[in-house]
Protein backbone atom coordinates (compact mmCIF):
# COMPACT_ATOMS: atom_id res chain seq x y z
CA MET A 1 0.02 -0.02 0.01
CA PHE A 2 2.87 2.48 0.95
CA GLY A 3 4.45 1.95 -2.61
CA ARG A 4 1.32 2.37 -4.40
CA LYS A 5 0.35 5.51 -2.62
CA ARG A 6 3.91 6.96 -3.37
CA ARG A 7 3.37 6.24 -7.13
CA GLU A 8 0.11 7.90 -6.94
CA GLN A 9 1.65 11.04 -5.57
CA ARG A 10 4.35 11.52 -8.31
CA ARG A 11 2.02 11.47 -11.19
CA PHE A 12 1.30 14.73 -12.68
CA ASP A 13 -2.25 14.40 -13.70
CA SER A 14 -4.58 11.40 -11.81
CA ASP A 15 -6.46 11.08 -15.27
CA ALA A 16 -3.28 10.63 -17.28
CA THR A 17 -2.68 7.59 -19.56
CA ARG A 18 0.38 5.77 -18.31
CA TYR A 19 2.58 3.20 -20.38
CA LYS A 20 5.62 1.48 -19.63
CA MET A 21 8.26 1.21 -22.32
CA ARG A 22 10.75 -1.52 -21.94
CA GLN A 23 13.56 -2.04 -24.69
CA ARG A 24 14.15 -5.79 -25.63
CA MET A 25 17.71 -6.63 -24.57
CA LEU A 26 18.40 -9.29 -27.08
CA SER A 27 17.54 -7.57 -30.33
CA ILE A 28 19.00 -6.33 -33.44
CA GLY A 29 18.12 -2.59 -33.63
CA ASP A 30 15.90 -0.22 -31.20
CA ASP A 31 13.01 -3.00 -30.28
CA TYR A 32 10.52 -1.84 -27.47
CA GLU A 33 7.43 -3.27 -26.03
CA ILE A 34 4.88 -0.86 -24.79
CA GLU A 35 2.40 -1.63 -22.01
CA ASN A 36 -0.62 0.09 -20.46
CA ASP A 37 -1.59 0.62 -16.95
CA ASN A 38 -3.05 -2.99 -16.78
CA GLY A 39 0.02 -4.70 -18.22
CA GLU A 40 -1.37 -5.44 -21.58
CA ARG A 41 0.93 -4.98 -24.69
CA VAL A 42 -0.40 -2.55 -26.61
CA PHE A 43 2.18 -1.03 -29.01
CA LYS A 44 5.54 -2.29 -30.17
CA LEU A 45 8.49 -0.46 -31.78
CA ASP A 46 10.47 -2.28 -34.22
CA GLY A 47 13.94 -1.02 -35.06
CA LYS A 48 15.32 -1.88 -38.41
CA ALA A 49 19.02 -2.99 -38.43
CA LEU A 50 21.32 -2.59 -41.18
CA ARG A 51 19.77 0.58 -42.89
CA ILE A 52 21.70 3.63 -44.01
CA ARG A 53 19.47 5.56 -41.58
CA LYS A 54 18.06 4.63 -38.37
CA THR A 55 14.32 3.64 -38.72
CA ILE A 56 12.01 2.52 -36.17
CA LEU A 57 8.62 1.37 -37.06
CA PHE A 58 5.65 2.20 -34.31
CA LYS A 59 3.15 -0.61 -34.70
CA ASP A 60 -0.08 -1.60 -32.83
CA MET A 61 -0.30 -5.22 -31.63
CA ASP A 62 -1.99 -6.33 -34.75
CA GLY A 63 0.95 -5.07 -36.87
CA ARG A 64 -0.37 -2.31 -38.27
CA GLU A 65 1.90 0.58 -38.74
CA LEU A 66 1.06 3.91 -36.99
CA CYS A 67 3.83 5.84 -37.51
CA LYS A 68 7.31 5.78 -38.73
CA ILE A 69 10.52 7.10 -37.26
CA GLN A 70 13.66 8.01 -39.40
CA GLU A 71 16.78 9.92 -38.95
CA ARG A 72 17.52 12.67 -40.93
CA MET A 73 20.72 12.65 -42.63
CA LEU A 74 23.22 15.50 -43.54
CA HIS A 75 22.07 18.10 -41.07
CA LEU A 76 24.08 20.46 -38.93
CA ARG A 77 22.01 18.96 -35.80
CA ASP A 78 21.20 15.39 -35.23
CA SER A 79 17.19 15.00 -35.64
CA MET A 80 14.68 12.39 -36.36
CA GLU A 81 11.45 12.78 -38.29
CA ILE A 82 7.84 11.27 -37.13
CA GLU A 83 5.87 10.26 -40.11
CA GLY A 84 2.18 9.13 -39.92
CA PRO A 85 1.09 6.01 -41.65
CA ASP A 86 0.23 8.28 -44.71
CA GLY A 87 3.83 9.17 -45.22
CA LYS A 88 3.10 12.69 -44.05
CA ARG A 89 5.55 14.46 -41.76
CA ILE A 90 4.01 14.66 -38.17
CA ALA A 91 7.11 16.09 -36.29
CA ILE A 92 10.76 16.76 -36.40
CA VAL A 93 12.64 16.22 -33.02
CA LYS A 94 16.07 17.79 -32.53
CA LYS A 95 18.25 18.79 -29.41
CA ALA A 96 17.83 22.60 -28.58
CA MET A 97 21.07 24.56 -29.51
CA ILE A 98 21.40 26.38 -26.12
CA ALA A 99 20.90 24.40 -23.20
CA PRO A 100 23.09 26.05 -20.33
CA LEU A 101 21.77 24.13 -17.26
CA ARG A 102 19.36 21.18 -18.38
CA GLU A 103 19.14 19.24 -21.68
CA ARG A 104 16.44 20.76 -23.92
CA TRP A 105 14.81 19.22 -26.85
CA ILE A 106 12.33 20.58 -29.26
CA ALA A 107 9.56 18.81 -31.31
CA LYS A 108 8.79 20.79 -34.28
CA MET A 109 4.96 19.88 -34.91
CA GLU A 110 3.78 20.08 -38.57
CA ASP A 111 0.26 21.19 -37.34
CA GLY A 112 0.06 22.90 -34.11
CA PRO A 113 2.36 24.33 -31.40
CA ASP A 114 6.12 23.03 -31.00
CA LEU A 115 6.31 20.69 -27.86
CA HIS A 116 9.43 21.43 -25.71
CA VAL A 117 11.58 18.63 -23.52
CA GLN A 118 13.70 19.62 -20.79
CA GLY A 119 14.91 17.38 -18.16
CA ASN A 120 17.41 15.00 -17.44
CA ILE A 121 17.25 13.22 -20.85
CA VAL A 122 20.00 10.57 -20.17
CA ASP A 123 18.45 9.33 -17.15
CA HIS A 124 14.79 9.47 -18.48
CA GLU A 125 13.22 12.09 -16.02
CA TYR A 126 11.87 14.90 -18.17
CA THR A 127 8.73 16.63 -19.13
CA ILE A 128 7.28 17.55 -22.28
CA GLU A 129 5.22 20.96 -22.54
CA GLY A 130 2.97 22.40 -25.09
CA ASP A 131 2.08 26.06 -24.91
CA GLY A 132 3.48 26.17 -21.20
CA THR A 133 1.40 23.35 -20.20
CA LYS A 134 2.84 19.87 -19.12
CA VAL A 135 1.26 17.43 -21.57
CA ALA A 136 3.64 14.34 -20.62
CA GLU A 137 6.24 13.10 -18.24
CA VAL A 138 8.88 10.43 -18.68
CA SER A 139 10.33 8.66 -15.64
CA LYS A 140 12.64 5.93 -14.89
CA ARG A 141 11.86 6.35 -11.09
CA TRP A 142 8.79 4.14 -11.21
CA PHE A 143 10.82 1.00 -12.31
CA ARG A 144 13.39 -0.71 -11.23
CA ALA A 145 13.97 -2.87 -14.29
CA ARG A 146 16.89 -1.72 -16.56
CA ASP A 147 16.13 -0.28 -19.79
CA THR A 148 12.36 0.50 -18.58
CA TYR A 149 10.50 3.78 -18.07
CA GLY A 150 7.32 5.30 -17.71
CA VAL A 151 5.46 7.72 -20.09
CA GLU A 152 2.26 9.36 -18.80
CA VAL A 153 0.14 11.30 -21.27
CA ALA A 154 -2.44 13.94 -20.27
CA PRO A 155 -5.98 13.20 -21.20
CA GLY A 156 -6.83 14.31 -24.62
CA GLN A 157 -3.58 13.99 -26.44
CA ASP A 158 -2.38 11.88 -28.90
CA ASP A 159 -0.49 9.10 -26.97
CA VAL A 160 1.16 7.47 -29.78
CA LEU A 161 2.83 10.94 -30.71
CA PHE A 162 4.09 11.26 -27.27
CA LEU A 163 5.37 7.47 -27.20
CA ALA A 164 7.01 8.21 -30.46
CA ILE A 165 8.66 11.45 -29.23
CA SER A 166 10.10 9.57 -26.21
CA ALA A 167 11.37 6.54 -28.34
CA VAL A 168 13.17 9.41 -30.43
CA ILE A 169 14.64 10.96 -27.50
CA ASP A 170 15.95 7.87 -26.02
CA THR A 171 17.20 6.70 -29.37
CA MET A 172 19.20 9.85 -29.84
CA ALA A 173 20.56 10.28 -26.45
CA HIS A 174 21.77 6.85 -26.15
CA PRO A 175 23.38 6.26 -29.94
CA ALA A 176 25.30 3.31 -28.62
CA ARG A 177 22.46 0.99 -28.07
């Protein structure tokens, strides 16, 4: 009871949708399994190995592609693009040029305001804000397992988009994996 009460206090919104992202240890490429609050697998990320540019396919459990994440080549700053299933760009995620105290990233949205990411990216402790309001939070504190972290998405937001942004940031912040 004590542990559950502490977890509830740490959550930024009691109505937020919570996911557990776990990277598969024995895989070629960046492969993740994403579970909901009930422990059910709801999404999977399939990192494609042996490609010129890093590519991750975001799929539901039936294998339907929800979005594609691809590294952008030959740019001054590292960035990755998130495309919808129709091939249209949804967002470009890149590290902010000037970040004096904390790591900052930005997700430049095609339709809508940009999303700002800041916090301790390497340790999976950061927030995502849109128009000055926290819309998602990522934390590894909630889990003891290695390569596992939680993502909370505020009600009314696009869960797939925020899970994809979290995967992009994890991929770019830990390039050796």
